[in-house]
Amino acid sequence: MRNLKLFSIIGLAVFALFSFTVLVQSKPWEVPAKYKSMKNPTNAKDKEGANEGKALFAKQCSACHGKKGLGDGSKAPDLKGDMGDFSSVKSQKQTDGEMFYRITEGRDDMPSFKKKIPNEEDRWLVVNYVRTLKK
């Protein structure tokens, strides 16, 4: 009887933890207003910058988001969140500032790229590259 009580308590704890995790992950990703209106300081048509953005995406983002940003990277099945489809209208509707914020700050399985891509201009170049993935 004592084991049954212990298993019940453990079961309830696991259920509560799982429920909390699901609630936290389903919360919308809020972007501060200052980022929503932030303008991209780089030139999206600059060939050198476009190549740099593409190379950074390939190195830093494709393992999770896939080579074409479809959310089908090799690590995606092991992650809890939605890897997104950067070619979708929903993704492309984001402002450049919103994309920059998400890349910079990260959340849940999405790491912050402040250290991996320390140069802000380079993170903006990744935003420019993501813009080329639209359908």
N, C-alpha and C. Protein backbone atom coordinates (compact mmCIF):
# COMPACT_ATOMS: atom_id res chain seq x y z
N MET A 1 0.81 -1.18 0.00
CA MET A 1 0.00 0.00 0.00
C MET A 1 0.87 1.26 0.00
N ARG A 2 1.95 1.19 0.74
CA ARG A 2 2.86 2.33 0.82
C ARG A 2 3.47 2.63 -0.55
N ASN A 3 3.84 1.57 -1.30
CA ASN A 3 4.39 1.75 -2.65
C ASN A 3 3.37 2.38 -3.58
N LEU A 4 2.12 1.98 -3.47
CA LEU A 4 1.06 2.53 -4.30
C LEU A 4 0.92 4.04 -4.04
N LYS A 5 0.98 4.43 -2.80
CA LYS A 5 0.89 5.85 -2.44
C LYS A 5 2.07 6.62 -3.01
N LEU A 6 3.27 6.03 -2.90
CA LEU A 6 4.47 6.66 -3.43
C LEU A 6 4.37 6.83 -4.95
N PHE A 7 3.93 5.78 -5.63
CA PHE A 7 3.77 5.85 -7.09
C PHE A 7 2.73 6.90 -7.48
N SER A 8 1.66 7.00 -6.69
CA SER A 8 0.64 8.01 -6.97
C SER A 8 1.21 9.41 -6.85
N ILE A 9 1.99 9.64 -5.81
CA ILE A 9 2.61 10.96 -5.61
C ILE A 9 3.58 11.28 -6.73
N ILE A 10 4.40 10.31 -7.09
CA ILE A 10 5.35 10.51 -8.20
C ILE A 10 4.60 10.77 -9.49
N GLY A 11 3.55 10.00 -9.73
CA GLY A 11 2.74 10.18 -10.94
C GLY A 11 2.15 11.57 -11.02
N LEU A 12 1.61 12.04 -9.90
CA LEU A 12 1.03 13.39 -9.88
C LEU A 12 2.10 14.45 -10.11
N ALA A 13 3.27 14.27 -9.54
CA ALA A 13 4.37 15.23 -9.72
C ALA A 13 4.80 15.27 -11.18
N VAL A 14 4.94 14.12 -11.81
CA VAL A 14 5.33 14.07 -13.22
C VAL A 14 4.26 14.73 -14.08
N PHE A 15 2.99 14.43 -13.80
CA PHE A 15 1.90 15.03 -14.56
C PHE A 15 1.90 16.56 -14.42
N ALA A 16 2.08 17.03 -13.19
CA ALA A 16 2.11 18.48 -12.95
C ALA A 16 3.27 19.14 -13.69
N LEU A 17 4.44 18.53 -13.63
CA LEU A 17 5.61 19.07 -14.33
C LEU A 17 5.38 19.10 -15.83
N PHE A 18 4.84 18.02 -16.38
CA PHE A 18 4.55 17.96 -17.82
C PHE A 18 3.54 19.03 -18.21
N SER A 19 2.48 19.17 -17.42
CA SER A 19 1.45 20.17 -17.72
C SER A 19 2.04 21.57 -17.70
N PHE A 20 2.87 21.86 -16.70
CA PHE A 20 3.51 23.17 -16.61
C PHE A 20 4.40 23.42 -17.83
N THR A 21 5.16 22.41 -18.23
CA THR A 21 6.06 22.54 -19.39
C THR A 21 5.26 22.83 -20.65
N VAL A 22 4.16 22.14 -20.85
CA VAL A 22 3.32 22.37 -22.04
C VAL A 22 2.76 23.78 -22.01
N LEU A 23 2.29 24.24 -20.86
CA LEU A 23 1.74 25.59 -20.76
C LEU A 23 2.79 26.65 -21.05
N VAL A 24 3.98 26.47 -20.52
CA VAL A 24 5.04 27.44 -20.73
C VAL A 24 5.44 27.48 -22.20
N GLN A 25 5.55 26.34 -22.85
CA GLN A 25 5.99 26.31 -24.23
C GLN A 25 4.94 26.84 -25.20
N SER A 26 3.68 26.73 -24.86
CA SER A 26 2.65 27.18 -25.78
C SER A 26 2.40 28.69 -25.68
N LYS A 27 3.07 29.34 -24.75
CA LYS A 27 2.93 30.78 -24.57
C LYS A 27 3.50 31.51 -25.79
N PRO A 28 2.80 32.51 -26.30
CA PRO A 28 3.32 33.25 -27.46
C PRO A 28 4.67 33.90 -27.16
N TRP A 29 5.47 34.03 -28.18
CA TRP A 29 6.79 34.63 -28.03
C TRP A 29 6.62 36.13 -28.17
N GLU A 30 6.55 36.82 -27.05
CA GLU A 30 6.36 38.26 -27.04
C GLU A 30 7.66 38.99 -27.37
N VAL A 31 7.56 39.92 -28.28
CA VAL A 31 8.71 40.73 -28.67
C VAL A 31 8.45 42.16 -28.20
N PRO A 32 9.39 42.76 -27.46
CA PRO A 32 9.21 44.14 -27.00
C PRO A 32 8.97 45.10 -28.17
N ALA A 33 8.14 46.10 -27.92
CA ALA A 33 7.76 47.06 -28.95
C ALA A 33 8.95 47.72 -29.63
N LYS A 34 10.00 48.02 -28.88
CA LYS A 34 11.15 48.70 -29.48
C LYS A 34 11.80 47.85 -30.58
N TYR A 35 11.70 46.53 -30.45
CA TYR A 35 12.26 45.66 -31.49
C TYR A 35 11.33 45.55 -32.69
N LYS A 36 10.02 45.56 -32.44
CA LYS A 36 9.05 45.45 -33.53
C LYS A 36 9.24 46.56 -34.56
N SER A 37 9.58 47.74 -34.07
CA SER A 37 9.73 48.89 -34.97
C SER A 37 11.19 49.15 -35.36
N MET A 38 12.11 48.33 -34.87
CA MET A 38 13.53 48.53 -35.16
C MET A 38 13.82 48.31 -36.65
N LYS A 39 14.60 49.20 -37.21
CA LYS A 39 14.96 49.11 -38.63
C LYS A 39 16.27 48.37 -38.81
N ASN A 40 16.33 47.57 -39.84
CA ASN A 40 17.54 46.82 -40.18
C ASN A 40 18.56 47.80 -40.78
N PRO A 41 19.72 47.94 -40.16
CA PRO A 41 20.71 48.91 -40.65
C PRO A 41 21.54 48.41 -41.84
N THR A 42 21.35 47.16 -42.24
CA THR A 42 22.16 46.62 -43.34
C THR A 42 21.40 46.69 -44.66
N ASN A 43 22.14 46.59 -45.73
CA ASN A 43 21.56 46.62 -47.07
C ASN A 43 21.31 45.18 -47.52
N ALA A 44 20.04 44.83 -47.63
CA ALA A 44 19.66 43.46 -48.00
C ALA A 44 20.13 43.08 -49.40
N LYS A 45 20.43 44.06 -50.25
CA LYS A 45 20.84 43.77 -51.63
C LYS A 45 22.35 43.67 -51.80
N ASP A 46 23.09 43.92 -50.74
CA ASP A 46 24.55 43.82 -50.79
C ASP A 46 24.97 42.36 -50.94
N LYS A 47 25.64 42.03 -52.04
CA LYS A 47 26.01 40.64 -52.33
C LYS A 47 26.93 40.04 -51.27
N GLU A 48 27.91 40.80 -50.83
CA GLU A 48 28.85 40.29 -49.82
C GLU A 48 28.10 39.99 -48.52
N GLY A 49 27.23 40.90 -48.12
CA GLY A 49 26.44 40.70 -46.91
C GLY A 49 25.49 39.52 -47.04
N ALA A 50 24.90 39.37 -48.24
CA ALA A 50 23.99 38.25 -48.48
C ALA A 50 24.71 36.92 -48.35
N ASN A 51 25.92 36.86 -48.89
CA ASN A 51 26.71 35.63 -48.77
C ASN A 51 27.09 35.34 -47.32
N GLU A 52 27.42 36.39 -46.57
CA GLU A 52 27.78 36.23 -45.16
C GLU A 52 26.57 35.75 -44.36
N GLY A 53 25.40 36.33 -44.60
CA GLY A 53 24.17 35.91 -43.92
C GLY A 53 23.83 34.46 -44.20
N LYS A 54 24.00 34.06 -45.46
CA LYS A 54 23.73 32.68 -45.85
C LYS A 54 24.71 31.72 -45.17
N ALA A 55 25.98 32.09 -45.12
CA ALA A 55 27.00 31.25 -44.48
C ALA A 55 26.74 31.13 -42.97
N LEU A 56 26.37 32.23 -42.34
CA LEU A 56 26.07 32.20 -40.90
C LEU A 56 24.85 31.32 -40.63
N PHE A 57 23.84 31.44 -41.46
CA PHE A 57 22.64 30.61 -41.30
C PHE A 57 23.01 29.13 -41.43
N ALA A 58 23.80 28.81 -42.45
CA ALA A 58 24.21 27.41 -42.66
C ALA A 58 24.97 26.87 -41.45
N LYS A 59 25.85 27.69 -40.90
CA LYS A 59 26.68 27.25 -39.78
C LYS A 59 25.92 27.21 -38.45
N GLN A 60 25.12 28.24 -38.19
CA GLN A 60 24.52 28.40 -36.86
C GLN A 60 23.05 27.97 -36.75
N CYS A 61 22.33 27.94 -37.85
CA CYS A 61 20.87 27.77 -37.78
C CYS A 61 20.34 26.50 -38.44
N SER A 62 21.01 26.02 -39.48
CA SER A 62 20.45 24.95 -40.29
C SER A 62 20.29 23.62 -39.56
N ALA A 63 21.09 23.35 -38.53
CA ALA A 63 20.96 22.08 -37.81
C ALA A 63 19.57 21.94 -37.19
N CYS A 64 18.98 23.04 -36.78
CA CYS A 64 17.63 23.01 -36.20
C CYS A 64 16.56 23.40 -37.22
N HIS A 65 16.83 24.46 -37.97
CA HIS A 65 15.82 25.02 -38.87
C HIS A 65 15.85 24.44 -40.28
N GLY A 66 16.86 23.67 -40.62
CA GLY A 66 16.95 23.08 -41.96
C GLY A 66 17.66 24.00 -42.93
N LYS A 67 18.20 23.42 -43.99
CA LYS A 67 18.98 24.18 -44.98
C LYS A 67 18.16 25.27 -45.65
N LYS A 68 16.86 25.03 -45.81
CA LYS A 68 15.99 26.01 -46.46
C LYS A 68 15.03 26.67 -45.48
N GLY A 69 15.30 26.50 -44.17
CA GLY A 69 14.49 27.15 -43.15
C GLY A 69 13.09 26.59 -43.00
N LEU A 70 12.90 25.32 -43.33
CA LEU A 70 11.58 24.71 -43.26
C LEU A 70 11.28 24.06 -41.90
N GLY A 71 12.24 24.15 -40.98
CA GLY A 71 12.05 23.56 -39.66
C GLY A 71 12.38 22.09 -39.60
N ASP A 72 13.12 21.62 -40.59
CA ASP A 72 13.40 20.19 -40.71
C ASP A 72 14.88 19.85 -40.55
N GLY A 73 15.58 20.59 -39.71
CA GLY A 73 16.99 20.33 -39.50
C GLY A 73 17.23 19.00 -38.79
N SER A 74 18.44 18.53 -38.82
CA SER A 74 18.78 17.23 -38.24
C SER A 74 18.52 17.17 -36.73
N LYS A 75 18.59 18.30 -36.03
CA LYS A 75 18.34 18.33 -34.58
C LYS A 75 16.86 18.55 -34.25
N ALA A 76 16.06 18.95 -35.21
CA ALA A 76 14.67 19.32 -34.97
C ALA A 76 13.86 18.23 -34.25
N PRO A 77 13.98 16.96 -34.63
CA PRO A 77 13.17 15.94 -33.95
C PRO A 77 13.45 15.81 -32.45
N ASP A 78 14.64 16.22 -32.01
CA ASP A 78 15.01 16.11 -30.60
C ASP A 78 14.61 17.33 -29.79
N LEU A 79 14.07 18.35 -30.43
CA LEU A 79 13.72 19.59 -29.75
C LEU A 79 12.22 19.65 -29.48
N LYS A 80 11.83 20.36 -28.44
CA LYS A 80 10.44 20.41 -28.01
C LYS A 80 9.61 21.43 -28.78
N GLY A 81 10.22 22.54 -29.15
CA GLY A 81 9.47 23.62 -29.77
C GLY A 81 9.25 23.42 -31.26
N ASP A 82 8.51 24.33 -31.83
CA ASP A 82 8.27 24.34 -33.28
C ASP A 82 9.43 25.07 -33.92
N MET A 83 10.10 24.42 -34.85
CA MET A 83 11.26 25.03 -35.50
C MET A 83 10.86 26.05 -36.55
N GLY A 84 9.59 26.16 -36.83
CA GLY A 84 9.09 27.17 -37.76
C GLY A 84 9.38 26.85 -39.21
N ASP A 85 8.67 27.49 -40.07
CA ASP A 85 8.89 27.42 -41.52
C ASP A 85 9.11 28.86 -41.95
N PHE A 86 10.37 29.21 -42.18
CA PHE A 86 10.71 30.59 -42.49
C PHE A 86 10.20 31.04 -43.86
N SER A 87 9.74 30.09 -44.67
CA SER A 87 9.19 30.47 -45.97
C SER A 87 7.71 30.82 -45.86
N SER A 88 7.10 30.55 -44.72
CA SER A 88 5.66 30.78 -44.55
C SER A 88 5.33 32.27 -44.46
N VAL A 89 4.10 32.58 -44.77
CA VAL A 89 3.60 33.96 -44.67
C VAL A 89 3.71 34.43 -43.23
N LYS A 90 3.39 33.55 -42.27
CA LYS A 90 3.45 33.91 -40.85
C LYS A 90 4.86 34.35 -40.46
N SER A 91 5.87 33.60 -40.86
CA SER A 91 7.25 33.97 -40.54
C SER A 91 7.66 35.25 -41.24
N GLN A 92 7.31 35.36 -42.51
CA GLN A 92 7.72 36.51 -43.30
C GLN A 92 6.99 37.80 -42.90
N LYS A 93 5.85 37.67 -42.19
CA LYS A 93 5.12 38.85 -41.72
C LYS A 93 5.83 39.56 -40.57
N GLN A 94 6.73 38.83 -39.90
CA GLN A 94 7.48 39.45 -38.80
C GLN A 94 8.30 40.63 -39.34
N THR A 95 8.47 41.63 -38.50
CA THR A 95 9.36 42.71 -38.89
C THR A 95 10.80 42.22 -38.76
N ASP A 96 11.72 42.92 -39.40
CA ASP A 96 13.13 42.58 -39.27
C ASP A 96 13.54 42.65 -37.80
N GLY A 97 13.02 43.64 -37.09
CA GLY A 97 13.35 43.79 -35.67
C GLY A 97 12.88 42.61 -34.83
N GLU A 98 11.71 42.08 -35.15
CA GLU A 98 11.22 40.90 -34.42
C GLU A 98 12.13 39.70 -34.65
N MET A 99 12.54 39.50 -35.90
CA MET A 99 13.46 38.39 -36.20
C MET A 99 14.79 38.60 -35.47
N PHE A 100 15.29 39.82 -35.52
CA PHE A 100 16.56 40.14 -34.87
C PHE A 100 16.46 39.85 -33.37
N TYR A 101 15.36 40.22 -32.74
CA TYR A 101 15.16 39.98 -31.31
C TYR A 101 15.20 38.48 -31.01
N ARG A 102 14.49 37.69 -31.80
CA ARG A 102 14.43 36.25 -31.56
C ARG A 102 15.82 35.61 -31.71
N ILE A 103 16.55 36.04 -32.72
CA ILE A 103 17.91 35.52 -32.93
C ILE A 103 18.81 35.94 -31.76
N THR A 104 18.70 37.18 -31.35
CA THR A 104 19.56 37.72 -30.31
C THR A 104 19.26 37.13 -28.94
N GLU A 105 18.00 37.08 -28.56
CA GLU A 105 17.63 36.69 -27.20
C GLU A 105 17.36 35.20 -27.02
N GLY A 106 16.79 34.56 -28.03
CA GLY A 106 16.44 33.15 -27.91
C GLY A 106 15.32 32.91 -26.90
N ARG A 107 14.88 31.66 -26.83
CA ARG A 107 13.85 31.25 -25.87
C ARG A 107 13.70 29.74 -25.95
N ASP A 108 13.56 29.10 -24.82
CA ASP A 108 13.40 27.65 -24.75
C ASP A 108 14.53 26.95 -25.51
N ASP A 109 14.19 26.13 -26.49
CA ASP A 109 15.21 25.40 -27.25
C ASP A 109 16.03 26.30 -28.17
N MET A 110 15.51 27.47 -28.47
CA MET A 110 16.22 28.42 -29.32
C MET A 110 17.22 29.19 -28.46
N PRO A 111 18.52 28.96 -28.69
CA PRO A 111 19.51 29.66 -27.86
C PRO A 111 19.64 31.14 -28.26
N SER A 112 20.18 31.91 -27.36
CA SER A 112 20.56 33.29 -27.67
C SER A 112 21.81 33.23 -28.55
N PHE A 113 21.87 34.08 -29.55
CA PHE A 113 23.04 34.11 -30.41
C PHE A 113 23.92 35.33 -30.15
N LYS A 114 23.78 35.96 -29.00
CA LYS A 114 24.62 37.10 -28.64
C LYS A 114 26.10 36.70 -28.61
N LYS A 115 26.38 35.48 -28.17
CA LYS A 115 27.78 35.04 -28.08
C LYS A 115 28.24 34.29 -29.32
N LYS A 116 27.35 33.49 -29.90
CA LYS A 116 27.73 32.71 -31.09
C LYS A 116 27.88 33.60 -32.32
N ILE A 117 27.08 34.65 -32.38
CA ILE A 117 27.18 35.65 -33.44
C ILE A 117 27.25 37.00 -32.73
N PRO A 118 28.42 37.34 -32.17
CA PRO A 118 28.52 38.53 -31.32
C PRO A 118 28.35 39.87 -32.05
N ASN A 119 28.63 39.88 -33.34
CA ASN A 119 28.51 41.12 -34.11
C ASN A 119 27.04 41.32 -34.50
N GLU A 120 26.44 42.42 -34.03
CA GLU A 120 25.04 42.70 -34.34
C GLU A 120 24.78 42.75 -35.84
N GLU A 121 25.70 43.34 -36.58
CA GLU A 121 25.52 43.43 -38.03
C GLU A 121 25.38 42.04 -38.65
N ASP A 122 26.14 41.08 -38.16
CA ASP A 122 26.04 39.72 -38.67
C ASP A 122 24.66 39.11 -38.40
N ARG A 123 24.08 39.41 -37.23
CA ARG A 123 22.74 38.90 -36.93
C ARG A 123 21.70 39.53 -37.87
N TRP A 124 21.92 40.81 -38.21
CA TRP A 124 21.03 41.45 -39.19
C TRP A 124 21.19 40.80 -40.56
N LEU A 125 22.39 40.37 -40.89
CA LEU A 125 22.60 39.68 -42.18
C LEU A 125 21.87 38.35 -42.22
N VAL A 126 21.77 37.69 -41.07
CA VAL A 126 20.99 36.45 -41.00
C VAL A 126 19.51 36.77 -41.24
N VAL A 127 19.04 37.86 -40.68
CA VAL A 127 17.65 38.29 -40.93
C VAL A 127 17.45 38.48 -42.43
N ASN A 128 18.39 39.16 -43.08
CA ASN A 128 18.27 39.37 -44.53
C ASN A 128 18.21 38.05 -45.27
N TYR A 129 19.03 37.09 -44.85
CA TYR A 129 19.00 35.78 -45.51
C TYR A 129 17.66 35.08 -45.31
N VAL A 130 17.12 35.13 -44.09
CA VAL A 130 15.82 34.51 -43.82
C VAL A 130 14.76 35.10 -44.74
N ARG A 131 14.86 36.39 -45.05
CA ARG A 131 13.91 37.03 -45.97
C ARG A 131 13.94 36.40 -47.37
N THR A 132 15.07 35.83 -47.75
CA THR A 132 15.17 35.21 -49.09
C THR A 132 14.50 33.85 -49.14
N LEU A 133 14.07 33.32 -48.00
CA LEU A 133 13.49 31.98 -47.95
C LEU A 133 11.99 31.97 -48.19
N LYS A 134 11.38 33.14 -48.42
CA LYS A 134 9.93 33.19 -48.60
C LYS A 134 9.51 32.43 -49.85
N LYS A 135 8.27 31.95 -49.79
CA LYS A 135 7.70 31.16 -50.91
C LYS A 135 7.44 32.02 -52.11
